[in-house]
């Protein structure tokens, strides 16, 4: 019975996991060569069981549930994602063997996906998040999981898949603020700038209600590259919004870009 309490304690960590999904929409940046990062100390699973190189998540010794739970929590807190994933996965294996109801292990399925996302191992993260949608289609984190799946497709530059995944999330309150901007960005990257513009114009028409709406409006201004006069009109709306104070630097940068575009247009008239 002790293993059950450990499982439930570890499950509480799942409520923190959404903050570890930072893939936000932004203007494309020049890609730089990737540098190999040194492995963090302790970034291998606890336990004596040898890791299977063919497995995305290595096996661990299941003989110490208490140690697995503690090790998983500590590894997650330190950003040792593979270590955390392996130990949380071990807890699921123990829970399955002793008959813990799947619903009680729901956060573990979520947090393992988060760990794999952060490594990043997008293929395994997709597998884990998809498993969550199948086991818990109405689970408490289903919208966050679907957003994570969309972000995986976006990170892999699979724009059609990302667009399909983002679309319903842009109409759900829990994910709307993130999904709206990221969907627009996916349209742009998929060479569908007009759809990105139409999306943002439609969704922002009722007004800019929060800082996320202001950022979406600034992204729309950037999309008006060939029609800077429309960008000027949206900048005026942004400046009249109380929530604009939090993004003054971004507003000034957008205004500078619009001014440059206007000057370029005057040269060719």
Protein backbone atom coordinates (compact mmCIF):
# COMPACT_ATOMS: atom_id res chain seq x y z
CA UNK A 1 0.00 0.00 0.00
CA UNK A 2 2.96 2.29 0.52
CA UNK A 3 3.57 2.32 -3.23
CA UNK A 4 0.10 3.73 -3.79
CA UNK A 5 0.74 6.75 -1.58
CA UNK A 6 4.04 7.36 -3.35
CA UNK A 7 2.29 7.22 -6.69
CA UNK A 8 -0.29 9.75 -5.61
CA UNK A 9 2.35 12.07 -4.19
CA UNK A 10 4.29 11.95 -7.44
CA UNK A 11 1.12 12.63 -9.40
CA UNK A 12 0.89 16.06 -7.79
CA UNK A 13 3.93 17.15 -9.79
CA UNK A 14 1.84 16.99 -12.95
CA UNK A 15 0.07 20.21 -12.00
CA UNK A 16 3.36 22.07 -12.44
CA UNK A 17 4.24 20.60 -15.78
CA UNK A 18 2.47 23.00 -18.13
CA UNK A 19 4.93 25.73 -17.23
CA UNK A 20 7.64 23.64 -18.88
CA UNK A 21 6.13 23.97 -22.36
CA UNK A 22 7.64 27.27 -23.48
CA UNK A 23 7.44 26.97 -27.26
CA UNK A 24 5.85 30.32 -28.07
CA UNK A 25 5.05 31.87 -31.47
CA UNK A 26 7.63 34.40 -32.56
CA UNK A 27 9.15 35.89 -35.66
CA UNK A 28 11.44 33.42 -37.44
CA UNK A 29 15.04 33.66 -36.30
CA UNK A 30 18.20 32.79 -38.16
CA UNK A 31 19.13 29.25 -37.24
CA UNK A 32 22.54 28.82 -35.67
CA UNK A 33 24.56 25.59 -35.53
CA UNK A 34 23.53 23.55 -32.54
CA UNK A 35 26.09 23.15 -29.80
CA UNK A 36 26.32 19.93 -27.87
CA UNK A 37 25.40 20.58 -24.27
CA UNK A 38 27.17 18.63 -21.56
CA UNK A 39 24.97 16.08 -19.85
CA UNK A 40 23.75 17.13 -16.45
CA UNK A 41 24.93 15.19 -13.47
CA UNK A 42 22.44 12.53 -12.57
CA UNK A 43 20.76 12.60 -15.98
CA UNK A 44 20.36 8.85 -16.08
CA UNK A 45 17.66 6.76 -14.45
CA UNK A 46 17.84 5.68 -10.86
CA UNK A 47 17.99 2.00 -10.04
CA UNK A 48 20.29 -0.84 -11.00
CA UNK A 49 18.51 -2.00 -14.16
CA UNK A 50 20.62 -1.45 -17.32
CA UNK A 51 19.17 0.95 -19.88
CA UNK A 52 17.97 -0.57 -23.14
CA UNK A 53 19.47 1.57 -25.90
CA UNK A 54 16.50 0.75 -28.14
CA UNK A 55 14.06 2.31 -25.71
CA UNK A 56 13.37 6.03 -25.68
CA UNK A 57 12.86 5.82 -21.92
CA UNK A 58 15.16 3.34 -20.13
CA UNK A 59 13.95 0.85 -17.57
CA UNK A 60 14.57 1.34 -13.87
CA UNK A 61 14.62 -0.91 -10.83
CA UNK A 62 11.02 -1.18 -9.63
CA UNK A 63 11.91 -2.53 -6.22
CA UNK A 64 11.90 0.84 -4.46
CA UNK A 65 8.75 2.86 -5.22
CA UNK A 66 9.64 5.40 -2.54
CA UNK A 67 13.04 5.97 -4.14
CA UNK A 68 11.49 6.26 -7.59
CA UNK A 69 8.98 8.86 -6.44
CA UNK A 70 11.59 10.93 -4.63
CA UNK A 71 14.09 10.58 -7.46
CA UNK A 72 11.52 11.56 -10.08
CA UNK A 73 10.49 14.68 -8.19
CA UNK A 74 14.09 15.78 -7.60
CA UNK A 75 15.12 15.12 -11.20
CA UNK A 76 12.13 17.05 -12.54
CA UNK A 77 12.95 19.99 -10.30
CA UNK A 78 16.55 20.01 -11.57
CA UNK A 79 15.58 19.72 -15.22
CA UNK A 80 17.03 16.22 -15.54
CA UNK A 81 14.30 15.22 -17.96
CA UNK A 82 15.36 11.69 -18.91
CA UNK A 83 15.97 10.75 -15.31
CA UNK A 84 12.58 12.13 -14.31
CA UNK A 85 10.80 10.42 -17.22
CA UNK A 86 12.37 7.04 -16.45
CA UNK A 87 11.39 7.18 -12.79
CA UNK A 88 7.85 8.44 -13.46
CA UNK A 89 7.50 5.71 -16.07
CA UNK A 90 8.58 3.20 -13.42
CA UNK A 91 5.81 4.46 -11.16
CA UNK A 92 3.27 3.80 -13.92
CA UNK A 93 4.61 0.28 -14.30
CA UNK A 94 4.29 -0.32 -10.57
CA UNK A 95 0.81 1.21 -10.48
CA UNK A 96 -0.31 -1.02 -13.35
CA UNK A 97 1.02 -4.13 -11.61
CA UNK A 98 -0.65 -3.40 -8.26
CA UNK A 99 -3.95 -2.34 -9.81
CA UNK A 100 -3.96 1.43 -9.32
CA UNK A 101 -6.91 2.83 -11.33
CA UNK A 102 -5.65 4.52 -14.53
CA UNK A 103 -7.44 7.77 -13.62
CA UNK A 104 -5.27 8.09 -10.51
CA UNK A 105 -2.12 7.89 -12.66
CA UNK A 106 -3.34 10.43 -15.20
CA UNK A 107 -0.85 13.18 -14.20
CA UNK A 108 2.05 10.77 -14.66
CA UNK A 109 1.19 10.21 -18.32
CA UNK A 110 1.13 13.97 -18.79
CA UNK A 111 4.38 14.71 -16.98
CA UNK A 112 6.31 12.04 -18.89
CA UNK A 113 5.24 13.70 -22.13
CA UNK A 114 6.46 17.02 -20.74
CA UNK A 115 9.84 15.52 -19.86
CA UNK A 116 10.30 14.10 -23.35
CA UNK A 117 9.21 17.40 -24.89
CA UNK A 118 11.89 19.22 -22.93
CA UNK A 119 14.78 16.87 -23.79
CA UNK A 120 13.66 17.35 -26.65
CA UNK A 121 12.57 14.00 -28.05
CA UNK A 122 9.52 15.12 -30.00
CA UNK A 123 8.69 11.69 -31.43
CA UNK A 124 8.49 10.13 -27.97
CA UNK A 125 6.69 13.17 -26.56
CA UNK A 126 4.11 12.86 -29.33
CA UNK A 127 3.70 9.18 -28.53
CA UNK A 128 3.17 9.92 -24.84
CA UNK A 129 0.79 12.82 -25.35
CA UNK A 130 -1.20 10.83 -27.91
CA UNK A 131 -1.46 8.01 -25.38
CA UNK A 132 -2.86 10.54 -22.91
CA UNK A 133 -5.57 11.62 -25.37
CA UNK A 134 -6.54 8.00 -25.89
CA UNK A 135 -6.65 7.04 -22.21
CA UNK A 136 -8.09 10.32 -20.90
CA UNK A 137 -10.08 12.00 -23.70
CA UNK A 138 -11.85 14.17 -21.11
CA UNK A 139 -8.94 14.38 -18.70
CA UNK A 140 -8.17 17.58 -16.77
CA UNK A 141 -5.15 18.32 -18.94
CA UNK A 142 -6.58 17.32 -22.32
CA UNK A 143 -6.45 20.87 -23.72
CA UNK A 144 -2.86 21.36 -22.55
CA UNK A 145 -1.94 18.02 -24.11
CA UNK A 146 -3.51 18.95 -27.43
CA UNK A 147 -1.64 22.26 -27.32
CA UNK A 148 1.59 20.37 -26.64
CA UNK A 149 0.93 18.14 -29.66
CA UNK A 150 0.41 21.22 -31.83
CA UNK A 151 3.70 22.64 -30.54
CA UNK A 152 5.49 19.42 -31.37
CA UNK A 153 4.28 19.60 -34.98
CA UNK A 154 5.34 23.25 -35.06
CA UNK A 155 8.79 22.45 -33.69
CA UNK A 156 9.13 19.75 -36.38
CA UNK A 157 8.01 22.28 -39.02
CA UNK A 158 5.07 20.06 -39.96
CA UNK A 159 2.91 23.07 -40.72
CA UNK A 160 -0.27 21.40 -42.11
CA UNK A 161 -0.43 19.09 -39.10
CA UNK A 162 0.23 21.96 -36.72
CA UNK A 163 -2.49 24.09 -38.30
CA UNK A 164 -5.04 21.28 -38.04
CA UNK A 165 -4.14 20.73 -34.38
CA UNK A 166 -4.18 24.42 -33.45
CA UNK A 167 -7.49 25.34 -35.09
CA UNK A 168 -9.92 24.05 -32.44
CA UNK A 169 -7.63 25.24 -29.64
CA UNK A 170 -7.97 28.85 -30.80
CA UNK A 171 -11.65 28.67 -29.79
CA UNK A 172 -11.13 27.12 -26.34
CA UNK A 173 -10.76 29.57 -23.47
CA UNK A 174 -8.04 27.58 -21.72
CA UNK A 175 -5.74 27.57 -24.77
CA UNK A 176 -7.00 30.47 -26.89
CA UNK A 177 -4.34 33.02 -25.94
CA UNK A 178 -1.43 30.74 -26.87
CA UNK A 179 -3.05 28.91 -29.76
CA UNK A 180 -4.24 32.03 -31.61
CA UNK A 181 -0.80 33.53 -32.08
CA UNK A 182 0.88 30.20 -32.74
CA UNK A 183 -1.77 29.24 -35.31
CA UNK A 184 -1.22 32.53 -37.12
CA UNK A 185 2.52 31.86 -37.11
CA UNK A 186 1.97 28.35 -38.50
CA UNK A 187 -0.12 29.81 -41.34
CA UNK A 188 2.65 32.27 -42.12
CA UNK A 189 5.31 29.56 -42.14
CA UNK A 190 3.08 27.46 -44.40
CA UNK A 191 3.06 30.32 -46.93
CA UNK A 192 -0.55 31.20 -46.07
CA UNK A 193 -0.06 34.78 -44.87
CA UNK A 194 -3.57 35.82 -45.96
CA UNK A 195 -5.12 33.16 -43.73
CA UNK A 196 -3.01 34.35 -40.82
CA UNK A 197 -4.20 37.91 -41.38
CA UNK A 198 -7.85 36.89 -41.69
CA UNK A 199 -7.60 34.78 -38.53
CA UNK A 200 -6.17 37.57 -36.41
CA UNK A 201 -8.44 40.26 -37.84
CA UNK A 202 -11.48 38.10 -37.07
CA UNK A 203 -10.45 37.01 -33.59
CA UNK A 204 -9.28 40.47 -32.51
CA UNK A 205 -12.25 42.37 -33.98
CA UNK A 206 -14.17 42.42 -30.65
CA UNK A 207 -11.25 44.26 -29.04
CA UNK A 208 -7.90 43.70 -27.34
CA UNK A 209 -8.84 42.26 -23.97
CA UNK A 210 -5.46 41.29 -22.51
CA UNK A 211 -1.72 41.40 -23.07
CA UNK A 212 -1.85 38.29 -25.25
CA UNK A 213 -4.32 40.04 -27.56
CA UNK A 214 -1.95 43.00 -27.77
CA UNK A 215 0.90 40.70 -28.79
CA UNK A 216 -1.34 39.06 -31.39
CA UNK A 217 -2.19 42.51 -32.74
CA UNK A 218 1.50 43.38 -32.99
CA UNK A 219 2.05 40.13 -34.88
CA UNK A 220 -0.75 41.20 -37.22
CA UNK A 221 0.99 44.54 -37.72
CA UNK A 222 4.08 42.62 -38.81
CA UNK A 223 2.00 40.59 -41.27
CA UNK A 224 0.93 43.83 -42.97
CA UNK A 225 4.42 44.14 -44.39
CA UNK A 226 3.12 45.08 -47.84
CA UNK A 227 0.27 47.23 -46.47
CA UNK A 228 1.89 49.25 -43.66
CA UNK A 229 -0.99 51.71 -43.54
CA UNK A 230 -3.13 48.93 -42.07
CA UNK A 231 -0.39 48.30 -39.57
CA UNK A 232 -0.58 51.95 -38.52
CA UNK A 233 -4.31 51.60 -37.83
CA UNK A 234 -3.74 48.56 -35.61
CA UNK A 235 -0.89 50.28 -33.80
CA UNK A 236 -3.29 53.05 -32.87
CA UNK A 237 -5.69 50.47 -31.42
CA UNK A 238 -2.85 48.91 -29.49
CA UNK A 239 -1.74 52.25 -28.02
CA UNK A 240 -5.26 52.89 -26.72
CA UNK A 241 -5.36 49.56 -24.88
CA UNK A 242 -4.57 49.59 -21.13
CA UNK A 243 -2.86 46.22 -21.46
CA UNK A 244 -0.32 47.75 -23.85
CA UNK A 245 1.82 49.08 -21.01
CA UNK A 246 3.31 45.64 -20.40
CA UNK A 247 4.74 45.44 -23.93
CA UNK A 248 5.96 48.98 -24.59
CA UNK A 249 9.28 47.81 -26.01
CA UNK A 250 7.50 45.49 -28.46
CA UNK A 251 5.16 48.29 -29.52
CA UNK A 252 8.07 50.66 -30.17
CA UNK A 253 9.84 48.02 -32.23
CA UNK A 254 6.70 47.36 -34.29
CA UNK A 255 6.22 51.11 -34.82
CA UNK A 256 9.79 51.43 -36.06
CA UNK A 257 9.30 48.61 -38.57
CA UNK A 258 6.06 50.16 -39.83
CA UNK A 259 7.78 53.51 -40.26
CA UNK A 260 10.54 51.88 -42.28
CA UNK A 261 7.98 50.15 -44.50
CA UNK A 262 6.14 53.40 -45.09
CA UNK A 263 9.39 55.12 -46.05
CA UNK A 264 10.24 52.31 -48.47
CA UNK A 265 6.81 52.58 -50.08
CA UNK A 266 7.24 56.34 -50.57
CA UNK A 267 10.54 55.75 -52.39
CA UNK A 268 8.82 53.60 -55.00
CA UNK A 269 5.77 55.78 -55.53
